[in-house]
């Protein structure tokens, strides 16, 4: 069975973030763990992760961008002119 070409598909769509309905695909691993190991803790953790990711997306952050933001804020405004190994 050969795959047919979809004329509506474009290479521009490859940069979009994958989604499952309205949720970011990065929220799926905790959701899968909650589905296979059903306890209040895992379901609560999965819901917490989904809420956090949706909140970050509302403010314009993706997970990698948010991690870079936290890293730059934790490093502080001052940058050393010499590397740490010298």
Foldseek 3Di string as FASTA:
>chain_A
DDDDDDPVDDPVCVPDFDDDPPFGPVLVVLVVVCVVVPDPVSVVVSVVVRVVQVVCVVVPDHVVRVVVVVVVVVVPDDDDPDDPVD
